[in-house]
N, C-alpha and C. Protein backbone atom coordinates (compact mmCIF):
# COMPACT_ATOMS: atom_id res chain seq x y z
N MET A 1 11.84 -17.85 -17.50
CA MET A 1 11.04 -17.05 -16.48
C MET A 1 11.73 -17.18 -15.37
N ILE A 2 12.72 -16.27 -14.90
CA ILE A 2 13.71 -16.45 -13.69
C ILE A 2 12.87 -16.22 -12.55
N LEU A 3 11.72 -15.60 -12.60
CA LEU A 3 10.97 -15.19 -11.32
C LEU A 3 10.26 -16.53 -10.93
N LEU A 4 9.84 -17.48 -11.79
CA LEU A 4 8.88 -18.32 -11.43
C LEU A 4 9.78 -19.69 -11.21
N ALA A 5 11.15 -19.69 -11.51
CA ALA A 5 11.76 -21.07 -11.53
C ALA A 5 11.87 -21.63 -10.23
N ASN A 6 11.97 -21.17 -9.16
CA ASN A 6 11.63 -21.90 -7.74
C ASN A 6 10.31 -21.59 -7.12
N THR A 7 9.49 -21.05 -7.75
CA THR A 7 8.02 -20.56 -7.12
C THR A 7 7.06 -21.45 -7.46
N LYS A 8 6.27 -21.99 -6.22
CA LYS A 8 5.08 -23.02 -6.35
C LYS A 8 3.91 -22.21 -6.56
N ASN A 9 3.18 -22.91 -7.67
CA ASN A 9 1.81 -22.49 -7.93
C ASN A 9 0.93 -22.51 -6.68
N LEU A 10 0.11 -21.60 -6.30
CA LEU A 10 -0.64 -21.53 -5.05
C LEU A 10 -2.04 -22.17 -5.05
N LEU A 11 -2.60 -22.15 -6.52
CA LEU A 11 -3.92 -22.62 -6.74
C LEU A 11 -3.48 -24.25 -6.84
N PRO A 12 -4.56 -24.75 -6.37
CA PRO A 12 -4.39 -26.61 -6.43
C PRO A 12 -4.99 -26.86 -7.71
N PHE A 13 -5.72 -26.16 -8.42
CA PHE A 13 -6.24 -26.46 -9.85
C PHE A 13 -6.75 -25.17 -10.48
N ASP A 14 -7.10 -25.56 -11.80
CA ASP A 14 -7.67 -24.51 -12.61
C ASP A 14 -7.08 -23.19 -12.50
N GLY A 15 -5.87 -22.92 -12.60
CA GLY A 15 -5.17 -21.76 -13.00
C GLY A 15 -3.80 -21.56 -12.30
N GLU A 16 -2.98 -20.56 -12.57
CA GLU A 16 -1.97 -20.23 -11.88
C GLU A 16 -1.80 -19.14 -10.97
N VAL A 17 -1.35 -19.24 -9.92
CA VAL A 17 -0.92 -17.96 -8.97
C VAL A 17 0.47 -17.97 -8.42
N TYR A 18 1.36 -17.03 -8.57
CA TYR A 18 2.70 -17.35 -8.19
C TYR A 18 3.00 -15.94 -7.05
N TYR A 19 3.58 -16.25 -5.91
CA TYR A 19 3.73 -15.14 -5.10
C TYR A 19 5.22 -15.04 -4.72
N ILE A 20 5.90 -14.03 -4.67
CA ILE A 20 7.07 -13.60 -4.44
C ILE A 20 7.16 -12.61 -3.40
N LYS A 21 7.56 -13.05 -2.28
CA LYS A 21 7.41 -11.91 -1.17
C LYS A 21 8.37 -10.91 -1.19
N ASP A 22 9.67 -11.19 -1.55
CA ASP A 22 10.61 -10.06 -1.66
C ASP A 22 10.85 -9.60 -2.99
N PHE A 23 10.08 -9.23 -3.55
CA PHE A 23 10.32 -8.92 -5.08
C PHE A 23 11.08 -7.52 -5.15
N LEU A 24 10.69 -6.26 -4.30
CA LEU A 24 11.45 -5.29 -4.13
C LEU A 24 12.30 -5.19 -3.04
N PRO A 25 13.46 -5.01 -2.83
CA PRO A 25 14.24 -4.64 -1.68
C PRO A 25 13.87 -3.90 -0.53
N GLU A 26 13.76 -4.25 0.68
CA GLU A 26 13.30 -3.29 1.80
C GLU A 26 13.66 -1.94 1.77
N ASP A 27 14.85 -1.75 1.51
CA ASP A 27 15.24 -0.47 1.61
C ASP A 27 14.70 0.44 0.35
N GLN A 28 14.06 -0.11 -0.37
CA GLN A 28 13.36 0.73 -1.52
C GLN A 28 11.71 0.77 -1.27
N LEU A 29 11.09 0.19 -0.49
CA LEU A 29 9.67 0.24 -0.34
C LEU A 29 9.36 1.38 0.10
N GLN A 30 9.95 2.03 1.12
CA GLN A 30 9.13 3.44 1.52
C GLN A 30 9.56 4.48 0.40
N GLY A 31 10.41 4.70 -0.40
CA GLY A 31 10.62 5.39 -1.37
C GLY A 31 9.66 5.50 -2.63
N TYR A 32 9.26 4.30 -3.02
CA TYR A 32 8.55 3.98 -3.84
C TYR A 32 7.11 4.43 -3.60
N PHE A 33 6.71 4.06 -2.16
CA PHE A 33 5.40 4.28 -1.73
C PHE A 33 5.20 5.76 -1.66
N ASP A 34 6.16 6.29 -1.15
CA ASP A 34 5.90 8.15 -0.94
C ASP A 34 5.83 8.47 -2.56
N LYS A 35 6.49 8.09 -3.51
CA LYS A 35 6.75 8.70 -4.75
C LYS A 35 5.29 8.54 -5.51
N LEU A 36 4.70 7.13 -5.19
CA LEU A 36 3.52 7.03 -5.98
C LEU A 36 2.54 7.75 -5.28
N TYR A 37 2.44 7.63 -3.95
CA TYR A 37 1.29 8.41 -3.16
C TYR A 37 1.42 9.90 -3.65
N GLY A 38 2.28 10.53 -4.00
CA GLY A 38 2.45 12.02 -4.14
C GLY A 38 2.22 12.31 -5.79
N GLU A 39 2.77 11.22 -6.65
CA GLU A 39 2.84 11.75 -7.89
C GLU A 39 1.38 11.32 -8.95
N ILE A 40 0.80 9.99 -8.31
CA ILE A 40 -0.24 9.49 -9.00
C ILE A 40 -1.52 10.34 -8.88
N CYS A 41 -2.11 10.54 -9.92
CA CYS A 41 -3.70 11.27 -9.85
C CYS A 41 -4.62 10.40 -9.26
N TRP A 42 -4.54 10.47 -8.19
CA TRP A 42 -5.59 9.68 -7.41
C TRP A 42 -6.84 10.05 -7.36
N LYS A 43 -8.30 9.17 -7.61
CA LYS A 43 -9.39 9.79 -7.92
C LYS A 43 -10.46 8.62 -7.08
N ASN A 44 -11.28 8.93 -6.45
CA ASN A 44 -12.48 8.16 -5.89
C ASN A 44 -12.94 7.32 -7.01
N ASP A 45 -12.83 5.80 -6.84
CA ASP A 45 -13.51 5.15 -7.75
C ASP A 45 -15.10 4.98 -7.73
N GLU A 46 -15.41 4.64 -9.11
CA GLU A 46 -16.94 4.73 -9.33
C GLU A 46 -17.51 3.47 -10.03
N VAL A 47 -18.19 2.69 -9.10
CA VAL A 47 -18.66 1.54 -9.67
C VAL A 47 -20.34 1.12 -9.34
N TRP A 48 -20.51 0.21 -10.55
CA TRP A 48 -22.15 0.11 -10.25
C TRP A 48 -22.15 -1.36 -9.69
N ILE A 49 -23.20 -1.41 -8.43
CA ILE A 49 -23.30 -2.29 -7.58
C ILE A 49 -24.95 -2.51 -7.62
N PHE A 50 -25.53 -3.67 -8.14
CA PHE A 50 -27.11 -3.84 -7.87
C PHE A 50 -27.75 -3.06 -8.42
N GLY A 51 -27.11 -2.14 -9.81
CA GLY A 51 -27.81 -0.89 -10.40
C GLY A 51 -27.45 0.33 -9.85
N LYS A 52 -26.94 0.25 -8.90
CA LYS A 52 -26.56 1.78 -8.34
C LYS A 52 -25.26 2.03 -8.34
N LYS A 53 -24.92 3.57 -8.77
CA LYS A 53 -23.43 4.06 -8.91
C LYS A 53 -23.02 4.31 -7.35
N ILE A 54 -21.93 3.56 -7.28
CA ILE A 54 -21.36 3.89 -5.65
C ILE A 54 -20.02 4.40 -5.97
N THR A 55 -19.72 5.63 -5.07
CA THR A 55 -18.20 6.08 -5.05
C THR A 55 -17.73 5.33 -3.88
N THR A 56 -16.53 4.77 -4.45
CA THR A 56 -15.95 4.07 -3.14
C THR A 56 -14.85 5.07 -2.40
N GLY A 57 -14.51 4.48 -0.87
CA GLY A 57 -13.62 5.25 -0.37
C GLY A 57 -12.22 5.25 -0.71
N ARG A 58 -11.86 3.97 -1.56
CA ARG A 58 -10.44 3.83 -1.72
C ARG A 58 -10.34 4.53 -3.29
N LYS A 59 -9.03 4.87 -3.64
CA LYS A 59 -9.07 5.77 -4.74
C LYS A 59 -8.27 4.85 -5.68
N THR A 60 -8.17 5.20 -6.95
CA THR A 60 -7.79 4.43 -8.03
C THR A 60 -7.33 5.41 -9.11
N ALA A 61 -6.47 4.79 -10.06
CA ALA A 61 -5.86 5.71 -11.17
C ALA A 61 -5.25 4.37 -12.19
N TRP A 62 -5.59 4.88 -13.38
CA TRP A 62 -5.03 3.98 -14.60
C TRP A 62 -4.08 4.44 -15.36
N TYR A 63 -3.09 3.85 -15.60
CA TYR A 63 -1.70 4.49 -16.38
C TYR A 63 -1.33 3.45 -17.63
N GLY A 64 -1.03 3.82 -18.82
CA GLY A 64 -0.75 3.00 -19.69
C GLY A 64 -0.23 3.61 -21.07
N ASP A 65 -0.14 2.67 -21.96
CA ASP A 65 0.24 3.05 -23.43
C ASP A 65 -0.67 3.94 -23.87
N PRO A 66 -0.16 4.85 -24.87
CA PRO A 66 -1.05 5.93 -25.58
C PRO A 66 -2.43 5.41 -26.14
N GLY A 67 -3.67 5.84 -25.94
CA GLY A 67 -4.82 5.59 -26.81
C GLY A 67 -5.45 4.43 -26.15
N LEU A 68 -4.99 4.02 -24.78
CA LEU A 68 -5.72 2.64 -24.29
C LEU A 68 -6.90 3.27 -23.70
N THR A 69 -7.97 2.53 -23.67
CA THR A 69 -9.13 2.55 -22.77
C THR A 69 -9.48 1.20 -22.01
N TYR A 70 -10.09 1.27 -20.97
CA TYR A 70 -10.36 0.11 -20.28
C TYR A 70 -11.68 0.44 -19.69
N THR A 71 -12.44 -0.69 -19.65
CA THR A 71 -14.15 -0.49 -19.10
C THR A 71 -14.27 -1.48 -17.95
N TYR A 72 -14.44 -1.40 -16.65
CA TYR A 72 -14.66 -2.11 -15.65
C TYR A 72 -15.71 -1.57 -14.81
N SER A 73 -16.66 -2.44 -14.17
CA SER A 73 -17.98 -1.86 -13.45
C SER A 73 -18.53 -1.01 -14.20
N LYS A 74 -18.67 -0.97 -15.53
CA LYS A 74 -19.57 -0.16 -16.46
C LYS A 74 -18.93 0.97 -16.36
N VAL A 75 -17.64 1.45 -15.99
CA VAL A 75 -17.28 2.70 -16.33
C VAL A 75 -16.00 2.76 -17.23
N SER A 76 -15.62 3.62 -18.02
CA SER A 76 -14.84 3.42 -19.13
C SER A 76 -13.71 4.39 -18.73
N ARG A 77 -12.26 4.18 -18.77
CA ARG A 77 -11.37 4.85 -18.23
C ARG A 77 -10.34 5.26 -19.65
N THR A 78 -9.59 6.40 -19.69
CA THR A 78 -8.74 6.49 -20.61
C THR A 78 -7.07 6.53 -19.67
N ALA A 79 -6.27 5.83 -20.23
CA ALA A 79 -5.00 5.62 -19.58
C ALA A 79 -4.16 6.97 -19.53
N LEU A 80 -3.63 7.24 -18.49
CA LEU A 80 -2.56 8.39 -18.49
C LEU A 80 -1.48 7.96 -18.65
N ALA A 81 -0.32 8.82 -19.20
CA ALA A 81 0.98 8.43 -19.53
C ALA A 81 1.58 8.11 -18.41
N TRP A 82 2.50 6.83 -18.73
CA TRP A 82 3.12 6.44 -17.69
C TRP A 82 4.33 7.41 -16.84
N THR A 83 4.39 7.26 -15.69
CA THR A 83 5.35 8.14 -14.82
C THR A 83 6.73 7.36 -14.95
N VAL A 84 7.78 7.97 -14.74
CA VAL A 84 8.95 7.23 -14.43
C VAL A 84 8.77 6.07 -13.49
N SER A 85 8.36 6.09 -12.28
CA SER A 85 8.41 5.19 -11.38
C SER A 85 7.59 3.90 -11.78
N LEU A 86 6.57 4.44 -12.48
CA LEU A 86 5.40 3.17 -13.06
C LEU A 86 6.20 2.42 -14.06
N ALA A 87 7.06 3.22 -15.06
CA ALA A 87 7.51 2.52 -16.13
C ALA A 87 8.57 1.56 -15.60
N ASP A 88 9.48 2.32 -14.68
CA ASP A 88 10.33 1.48 -13.94
C ASP A 88 10.04 -0.05 -13.25
N LEU A 89 9.00 0.18 -12.51
CA LEU A 89 8.30 -1.06 -11.85
C LEU A 89 8.01 -1.85 -13.06
N ARG A 90 7.24 -1.42 -13.93
CA ARG A 90 6.78 -2.27 -15.12
C ARG A 90 7.89 -2.90 -15.92
N ASP A 91 8.89 -2.19 -16.11
CA ASP A 91 10.18 -2.95 -16.71
C ASP A 91 10.96 -4.20 -15.74
N ARG A 92 10.69 -3.76 -14.63
CA ARG A 92 11.71 -4.75 -13.50
C ARG A 92 10.55 -5.95 -13.52
N ILE A 93 9.23 -5.88 -13.58
CA ILE A 93 8.41 -7.09 -13.46
C ILE A 93 8.78 -7.83 -14.72
N THR A 94 8.79 -6.97 -15.98
CA THR A 94 8.76 -7.61 -17.33
C THR A 94 10.04 -8.47 -17.08
N GLU A 95 11.15 -7.82 -16.83
CA GLU A 95 12.46 -8.55 -16.92
C GLU A 95 12.48 -9.98 -16.15
N MET A 96 11.81 -9.75 -14.88
CA MET A 96 11.83 -11.05 -14.04
C MET A 96 10.97 -12.16 -14.48
N SER A 97 9.78 -11.60 -15.09
CA SER A 97 8.67 -12.69 -14.99
C SER A 97 8.71 -12.96 -16.70
N GLY A 98 9.33 -12.35 -17.42
CA GLY A 98 8.97 -12.70 -18.86
C GLY A 98 7.93 -12.45 -19.60
N GLU A 99 6.99 -11.69 -18.65
CA GLU A 99 5.49 -11.05 -19.39
C GLU A 99 5.70 -9.72 -19.68
N SER A 100 4.84 -9.22 -20.53
CA SER A 100 5.06 -7.88 -20.98
C SER A 100 3.60 -7.31 -20.63
N PHE A 101 3.52 -5.95 -20.16
CA PHE A 101 2.38 -5.15 -19.84
C PHE A 101 2.10 -3.99 -20.57
N ASN A 102 0.89 -3.39 -21.08
CA ASN A 102 0.87 -1.93 -21.53
C ASN A 102 -0.02 -1.07 -20.61
N SER A 103 -0.57 -1.69 -19.46
CA SER A 103 -1.30 -0.49 -18.54
C SER A 103 -0.82 -1.02 -17.01
N CYS A 104 -1.39 -0.08 -16.07
CA CYS A 104 -1.32 -0.49 -14.91
C CYS A 104 -2.54 0.27 -13.99
N LEU A 105 -3.31 -0.65 -13.46
CA LEU A 105 -4.58 -0.11 -12.65
C LEU A 105 -4.31 -0.05 -11.16
N LEU A 106 -3.85 1.09 -10.71
CA LEU A 106 -3.54 1.53 -9.12
C LEU A 106 -4.77 1.60 -8.19
N ASN A 107 -4.58 1.00 -7.04
CA ASN A 107 -5.51 1.26 -6.02
C ASN A 107 -4.84 1.62 -4.67
N LEU A 108 -5.48 2.66 -4.16
CA LEU A 108 -5.13 3.37 -2.74
C LEU A 108 -5.93 3.00 -1.71
N TYR A 109 -5.55 2.19 -0.83
CA TYR A 109 -6.62 1.69 0.37
C TYR A 109 -5.87 2.67 1.59
N HIS A 110 -6.74 3.47 2.11
CA HIS A 110 -6.23 4.47 3.14
C HIS A 110 -5.98 3.88 4.53
N ASN A 111 -6.91 2.74 4.46
CA ASN A 111 -6.64 1.82 5.88
C ASN A 111 -7.46 0.46 5.85
N GLY A 112 -7.57 -0.37 6.84
CA GLY A 112 -8.29 -1.65 6.61
C GLY A 112 -9.89 -1.39 6.44
N ASN A 113 -10.36 -0.23 6.60
CA ASN A 113 -11.79 -0.02 6.38
C ASN A 113 -12.12 -0.09 4.85
N GLU A 114 -11.16 -0.01 4.14
CA GLU A 114 -11.47 -0.10 2.57
C GLU A 114 -10.93 -1.47 1.94
N GLY A 115 -11.62 -1.94 1.31
CA GLY A 115 -11.54 -3.49 0.58
C GLY A 115 -11.84 -3.58 -0.99
N VAL A 116 -11.90 -4.76 -1.27
CA VAL A 116 -12.43 -5.13 -2.57
C VAL A 116 -13.37 -6.18 -2.45
N GLY A 117 -14.53 -6.40 -2.66
CA GLY A 117 -15.37 -7.93 -2.72
C GLY A 117 -14.83 -8.70 -3.70
N TRP A 118 -15.74 -9.66 -3.79
CA TRP A 118 -15.30 -10.93 -4.60
C TRP A 118 -15.17 -10.50 -6.12
N HIS A 119 -14.38 -10.71 -7.11
CA HIS A 119 -14.56 -10.39 -8.42
C HIS A 119 -13.51 -11.24 -9.07
N SER A 120 -13.61 -11.36 -10.46
CA SER A 120 -12.55 -11.77 -11.33
C SER A 120 -12.38 -10.49 -12.32
N ASP A 121 -10.93 -10.67 -12.64
CA ASP A 121 -10.41 -9.84 -13.63
C ASP A 121 -10.75 -10.26 -14.92
N ASP A 122 -12.04 -10.35 -15.42
CA ASP A 122 -12.08 -11.12 -16.71
C ASP A 122 -13.02 -10.09 -17.62
N GLU A 123 -12.66 -8.81 -17.71
CA GLU A 123 -13.19 -8.22 -18.92
C GLU A 123 -12.67 -8.43 -20.07
N LYS A 124 -13.34 -8.40 -21.24
CA LYS A 124 -13.08 -8.75 -22.64
C LYS A 124 -11.78 -8.27 -23.00
N GLU A 125 -11.34 -7.04 -22.74
CA GLU A 125 -10.32 -6.45 -23.25
C GLU A 125 -9.05 -7.00 -22.69
N LEU A 126 -9.07 -7.88 -21.44
CA LEU A 126 -7.88 -8.62 -21.20
C LEU A 126 -7.49 -9.77 -22.02
N GLY A 127 -8.28 -10.36 -22.68
CA GLY A 127 -8.27 -11.72 -23.45
C GLY A 127 -8.71 -13.00 -22.65
N SER A 128 -8.62 -14.00 -22.90
CA SER A 128 -9.17 -15.19 -22.51
C SER A 128 -8.29 -15.80 -21.22
N GLU A 129 -7.03 -15.45 -21.19
CA GLU A 129 -6.46 -15.91 -20.22
C GLU A 129 -5.08 -14.84 -19.65
N PRO A 130 -5.71 -13.51 -19.03
CA PRO A 130 -4.87 -12.67 -18.84
C PRO A 130 -3.95 -12.99 -17.85
N VAL A 131 -2.73 -12.41 -17.87
CA VAL A 131 -1.75 -12.28 -16.94
C VAL A 131 -1.86 -10.78 -16.08
N ILE A 132 -1.83 -10.86 -14.97
CA ILE A 132 -2.09 -9.82 -14.01
C ILE A 132 -0.84 -9.73 -12.85
N ALA A 133 0.18 -8.81 -13.07
CA ALA A 133 1.13 -8.81 -11.85
C ALA A 133 0.61 -7.66 -10.94
N SER A 134 0.49 -8.20 -9.66
CA SER A 134 -0.13 -7.19 -8.61
C SER A 134 1.26 -7.03 -7.63
N LEU A 135 1.47 -5.82 -7.55
CA LEU A 135 2.76 -5.48 -6.60
C LEU A 135 1.93 -4.71 -5.56
N SER A 136 2.58 -5.06 -4.12
CA SER A 136 1.85 -4.41 -2.84
C SER A 136 2.96 -3.41 -2.36
N LEU A 137 2.41 -2.54 -1.73
CA LEU A 137 3.40 -1.33 -1.11
C LEU A 137 2.49 -0.89 -0.06
N GLY A 138 3.17 -0.91 1.35
CA GLY A 138 2.57 -0.43 2.38
C GLY A 138 2.16 -1.56 3.29
N ALA A 139 0.72 -1.42 3.96
CA ALA A 139 0.26 -2.36 4.92
C ALA A 139 0.14 -3.68 4.32
N GLU A 140 0.60 -4.74 5.23
CA GLU A 140 0.24 -6.15 4.97
C GLU A 140 -1.46 -6.38 5.02
N ARG A 141 -1.74 -7.07 3.93
CA ARG A 141 -3.30 -7.15 3.86
C ARG A 141 -3.53 -8.77 3.29
N LYS A 142 -4.65 -9.30 4.08
CA LYS A 142 -4.93 -10.55 3.38
C LYS A 142 -5.71 -10.66 2.28
N PHE A 143 -5.47 -11.65 1.27
CA PHE A 143 -6.03 -11.77 -0.18
C PHE A 143 -6.43 -13.13 -0.13
N ILE A 144 -7.85 -13.19 -0.67
CA ILE A 144 -8.10 -14.47 -0.81
C ILE A 144 -8.82 -14.90 -2.06
N PHE A 145 -8.26 -16.12 -2.45
CA PHE A 145 -9.04 -16.60 -3.77
C PHE A 145 -10.06 -17.90 -3.43
N LYS A 146 -11.02 -17.77 -4.20
CA LYS A 146 -12.16 -18.72 -3.79
C LYS A 146 -12.82 -19.33 -5.29
N HIS A 147 -12.69 -20.61 -5.39
CA HIS A 147 -13.06 -21.10 -6.72
C HIS A 147 -14.73 -21.01 -7.07
N LYS A 148 -14.85 -20.65 -8.18
CA LYS A 148 -16.39 -20.28 -8.69
C LYS A 148 -17.27 -21.65 -8.48
N ARG A 149 -16.77 -22.56 -8.52
CA ARG A 149 -17.42 -24.16 -8.66
C ARG A 149 -18.05 -24.50 -7.21
N ASN A 150 -16.72 -24.85 -6.44
CA ASN A 150 -16.85 -25.69 -5.25
C ASN A 150 -16.28 -24.79 -4.13
N SER A 151 -16.07 -23.47 -4.21
CA SER A 151 -15.91 -22.64 -3.04
C SER A 151 -14.53 -22.73 -2.29
N GLU A 152 -13.79 -23.75 -3.06
CA GLU A 152 -12.38 -23.77 -2.31
C GLU A 152 -11.71 -22.50 -1.82
N LYS A 153 -11.05 -22.22 -1.08
CA LYS A 153 -10.35 -21.09 -0.80
C LYS A 153 -8.86 -21.25 -0.64
N VAL A 154 -8.21 -20.20 -0.91
CA VAL A 154 -6.65 -20.45 -0.59
C VAL A 154 -6.34 -18.58 -0.43
N GLU A 155 -5.98 -18.33 0.70
CA GLU A 155 -5.49 -17.25 1.39
C GLU A 155 -3.82 -17.05 1.58
N ILE A 156 -3.75 -15.67 1.38
CA ILE A 156 -2.19 -15.25 1.49
C ILE A 156 -2.49 -14.08 1.98
N ILE A 157 -1.31 -13.76 2.86
CA ILE A 157 -0.80 -12.41 3.28
C ILE A 157 0.13 -11.50 2.48
N LEU A 158 -0.64 -10.61 1.81
CA LEU A 158 0.41 -9.89 0.87
C LEU A 158 1.19 -8.92 1.62
N ALA A 159 2.59 -9.09 1.55
CA ALA A 159 3.50 -8.28 2.25
C ALA A 159 3.93 -6.95 1.44
N SER A 160 4.42 -5.94 2.26
CA SER A 160 4.84 -4.79 1.29
C SER A 160 6.19 -5.12 0.49
N GLY A 161 6.08 -4.91 -0.85
CA GLY A 161 7.23 -5.08 -1.59
C GLY A 161 7.26 -6.58 -2.53
N SER A 162 5.83 -7.26 -2.30
CA SER A 162 5.68 -8.43 -2.76
C SER A 162 4.87 -8.36 -3.95
N LEU A 163 5.07 -9.39 -4.87
CA LEU A 163 4.35 -9.33 -6.28
C LEU A 163 3.68 -10.74 -6.34
N LEU A 164 2.57 -10.79 -6.72
CA LEU A 164 1.48 -11.81 -7.01
C LEU A 164 1.20 -12.01 -8.45
N LEU A 165 1.55 -12.83 -9.27
CA LEU A 165 1.24 -13.04 -10.60
C LEU A 165 0.33 -14.07 -10.66
N MET A 166 -0.71 -13.68 -11.15
CA MET A 166 -2.08 -14.37 -11.84
C MET A 166 -2.04 -14.68 -13.24
N LYS A 167 -2.38 -15.90 -13.61
CA LYS A 167 -2.19 -16.16 -15.05
C LYS A 167 -2.74 -17.67 -15.53
N GLY A 168 -2.69 -18.00 -16.54
CA GLY A 168 -3.64 -19.12 -16.97
C GLY A 168 -5.03 -18.83 -17.31
N THR A 169 -5.84 -19.87 -16.31
CA THR A 169 -7.19 -19.80 -16.33
C THR A 169 -7.61 -19.49 -14.89
N CYS A 170 -6.83 -18.72 -14.09
CA CYS A 170 -7.07 -18.26 -13.04
C CYS A 170 -8.42 -17.34 -12.96
N GLN A 171 -8.32 -16.42 -13.67
CA GLN A 171 -9.56 -15.62 -13.88
C GLN A 171 -11.04 -16.25 -14.33
N LEU A 172 -10.84 -17.26 -14.95
CA LEU A 172 -11.94 -17.87 -15.70
C LEU A 172 -12.77 -18.80 -14.16
N HIS A 173 -11.75 -19.37 -13.53
CA HIS A 173 -12.24 -20.47 -12.52
C HIS A 173 -12.34 -19.81 -11.20
N TRP A 174 -11.64 -18.78 -10.80
CA TRP A 174 -11.38 -18.25 -9.47
C TRP A 174 -11.98 -16.54 -9.54
N VAL A 175 -12.30 -16.31 -8.28
CA VAL A 175 -12.74 -14.90 -7.79
C VAL A 175 -11.83 -14.57 -6.84
N HIS A 176 -11.41 -13.38 -6.59
CA HIS A 176 -10.71 -13.02 -5.59
C HIS A 176 -10.94 -11.80 -4.62
N SER A 177 -10.74 -11.55 -3.63
CA SER A 177 -11.14 -10.33 -2.76
C SER A 177 -9.94 -9.87 -1.78
N LEU A 178 -10.10 -8.71 -1.29
CA LEU A 178 -9.30 -8.10 -0.28
C LEU A 178 -10.51 -7.74 0.83
N PRO A 179 -10.30 -8.71 1.68
CA PRO A 179 -11.41 -8.37 2.91
C PRO A 179 -10.83 -7.01 3.56
N LYS A 180 -11.98 -6.48 4.30
CA LYS A 180 -11.74 -5.32 5.08
C LYS A 180 -11.32 -5.85 6.44
N SER A 181 -10.43 -4.89 7.47
CA SER A 181 -10.02 -5.16 8.56
C SER A 181 -9.75 -3.99 9.44
N LYS A 182 -10.62 -3.85 10.56
CA LYS A 182 -10.65 -2.63 11.49
C LYS A 182 -9.21 -2.45 12.08
N LYS A 183 -8.40 -3.66 12.07
CA LYS A 183 -7.21 -3.74 12.88
C LYS A 183 -6.02 -2.96 12.07
N ILE A 184 -6.58 -2.60 10.74
CA ILE A 184 -5.29 -2.10 10.04
C ILE A 184 -5.43 -0.70 9.90
N PRO A 185 -4.51 0.22 10.51
CA PRO A 185 -4.83 1.49 10.27
C PRO A 185 -3.79 2.42 9.21
N ASP A 186 -3.16 1.58 8.57
CA ASP A 186 -2.01 2.24 7.77
C ASP A 186 -2.53 2.04 6.11
N PRO A 187 -2.03 2.83 5.27
CA PRO A 187 -2.42 2.82 4.06
C PRO A 187 -1.71 1.62 3.18
N ARG A 188 -2.14 1.40 2.12
CA ARG A 188 -1.54 0.22 0.87
C ARG A 188 -1.80 0.90 -0.22
N ILE A 189 -0.90 0.74 -1.22
CA ILE A 189 -0.83 1.01 -2.68
C ILE A 189 -0.66 -0.42 -3.48
N ASN A 190 -1.66 -0.56 -4.05
CA ASN A 190 -1.51 -1.75 -5.08
C ASN A 190 -1.41 -1.38 -6.36
N LEU A 191 -0.62 -1.98 -7.24
CA LEU A 191 -0.50 -1.56 -8.55
C LEU A 191 -0.57 -2.88 -9.34
N THR A 192 -1.51 -2.98 -10.20
CA THR A 192 -1.93 -4.31 -10.92
C THR A 192 -1.56 -4.04 -12.39
N PHE A 193 -0.43 -4.69 -12.99
CA PHE A 193 0.12 -4.43 -14.29
C PHE A 193 -0.63 -5.50 -15.08
N ARG A 194 -1.07 -5.08 -16.30
CA ARG A 194 -1.91 -5.87 -17.29
C ARG A 194 -1.96 -5.77 -18.79
N THR A 195 -2.31 -6.36 -19.58
CA THR A 195 -2.04 -6.04 -20.81
C THR A 195 -3.51 -5.97 -21.45
N ILE A 196 -3.99 -4.91 -22.03
CA ILE A 196 -5.37 -4.47 -22.69
C ILE A 196 -5.12 -4.97 -24.22
N TYR A 197 -6.04 -5.66 -24.73
CA TYR A 197 -5.89 -6.00 -25.91
C TYR A 197 -7.16 -5.06 -26.78
């Protein structure tokens, strides 16, 4: 794993999280952002919260290998075919991390008024110890981990072009969130590469 050779685990215990700030070169960031913003089939996300169906401000899309389906927040999705850009980014992450992925869930946050509350990516389709590679493009945003048992927190600022790799028992023992911030006017695209079993 070339990517993790000199990278410190951000979690103090119960899981693994690695952060690579400059995963993508700075001169490629705007090009990837513009391409994904224009070519991805973005749709408002629908989730169930306390028994009510909510349409979120942020937009999402799910791409992957043929025939894959994925259910989260009680909504099932069928994967769209990989675009050239997504396949390229997937292959670059695979080459550097030694991990392979068959799908990608994308989020488009128009500004800091959109975020995601506390949750774990622990759906049964992801297996018992899922590996999730999260690539950020656009506005910098705060990202927080909180331990499920003792509420210990780990905070990080996700820079544009950075890669966050979550693995091991991270999803079992920790929740994470992307808090809202009215001070952020710019959009952010987040790509979370994962494997569906």
